Amino acid sequence: MDGTRRSDIKPGLRVSIVLKKDQRTGKLTEGIVKDILTKSPVHPHGIKVRLESGEVGRVKVAGGSRDKDSA
């Protein structure tokens, strides 16, 4: 999933986000979603979330699995 639809993002999901400071480079930061900050159902640049670590950014890759065998 590309992270542009709010319905795809749930607390507890492992995601890769781009932090504001990393927007130019596109560097991804991985973590677990704590809060969903975007209110609209779709956002072209990715749904904004807060990770359990406290970092805030836009989701670029959603649904990274903790278990390699899960589908």
Protein backbone atom coordinates (compact mmCIF):
# COMPACT_ATOMS: atom_id res chain seq x y z
CA MET A 1 0.00 0.00 0.00
CA ASP A 2 1.21 3.49 -0.76
CA GLY A 3 -0.23 5.26 2.28
CA THR A 4 -2.47 7.77 0.51
CA ARG A 5 -5.79 6.33 1.81
CA ARG A 6 -6.71 6.88 5.46
CA SER A 7 -8.77 3.67 5.52
CA ASP A 8 -5.57 1.65 4.94
CA ILE A 9 -3.81 3.10 8.01
CA LYS A 10 -4.58 1.79 11.50
CA PRO A 11 -2.87 2.27 14.88
CA GLY A 12 -0.41 -0.57 15.44
CA LEU A 13 0.45 -0.89 11.74
CA ARG A 14 4.14 -0.92 10.74
CA VAL A 15 4.79 1.85 8.21
CA SER A 16 7.59 3.79 6.56
CA ILE A 17 7.22 7.57 6.70
CA VAL A 18 9.06 10.61 5.42
CA LEU A 19 9.78 13.15 8.16
CA LYS A 20 9.44 16.87 7.32
CA LYS A 21 13.22 17.32 7.56
CA ASP A 22 13.76 14.42 5.12
CA GLN A 23 11.30 15.50 2.42
CA ARG A 24 14.05 16.66 0.05
CA THR A 25 16.02 13.42 0.30
CA GLY A 26 13.05 11.07 0.64
CA LYS A 27 14.74 9.18 3.49
CA LEU A 28 12.28 6.76 5.08
CA THR A 29 11.81 6.21 8.81
CA GLU A 30 10.13 2.99 9.93
CA GLY A 31 7.88 2.60 12.93
CA ILE A 32 4.51 1.68 14.37
CA VAL A 33 1.51 4.03 13.99
CA LYS A 34 0.31 5.56 17.26
CA ASP A 35 -2.04 8.30 15.95
CA ILE A 36 -3.49 9.22 12.56
CA LEU A 37 -3.27 13.00 12.13
CA THR A 38 -4.80 13.50 8.65
CA LYS A 39 -8.58 13.90 8.79
CA SER A 40 -9.36 13.64 5.05
CA PRO A 41 -9.98 10.16 3.57
CA VAL A 42 -7.26 10.61 0.91
CA HIS A 43 -4.10 12.73 0.74
CA PRO A 44 -1.89 12.72 -2.38
CA HIS A 45 1.37 13.07 -0.41
CA GLY A 46 0.48 10.41 2.16
CA ILE A 47 -1.50 10.25 5.38
CA LYS A 48 0.21 12.10 8.22
CA VAL A 49 0.79 9.94 11.31
CA ARG A 50 2.57 10.00 14.66
CA LEU A 51 4.68 6.94 15.37
CA GLU A 52 5.02 5.31 18.80
CA SER A 53 8.48 6.95 18.90
CA GLY A 54 6.81 10.39 18.68
CA GLU A 55 8.06 11.14 15.16
CA VAL A 56 5.55 12.70 12.75
CA GLY A 57 5.55 12.28 9.00
CA ARG A 58 3.64 11.18 5.91
CA VAL A 59 3.19 7.49 5.14
CA LYS A 60 4.97 6.33 1.99
CA VAL A 61 4.74 2.56 2.55
CA ALA A 62 2.01 0.98 4.68
CA GLY A 63 1.58 -2.55 5.89
CA GLY A 64 5.14 -3.64 6.43
CA SER A 65 4.69 -6.94 8.23
CA ARG A 66 6.39 -7.95 11.47
CA ASP A 67 5.98 -11.58 10.39
CA LYS A 68 7.62 -12.41 7.07
CA ASP A 69 5.21 -15.30 6.45
CA SER A 70 1.98 -13.28 6.80
CA ALA A 71 0.21 -12.32 3.60
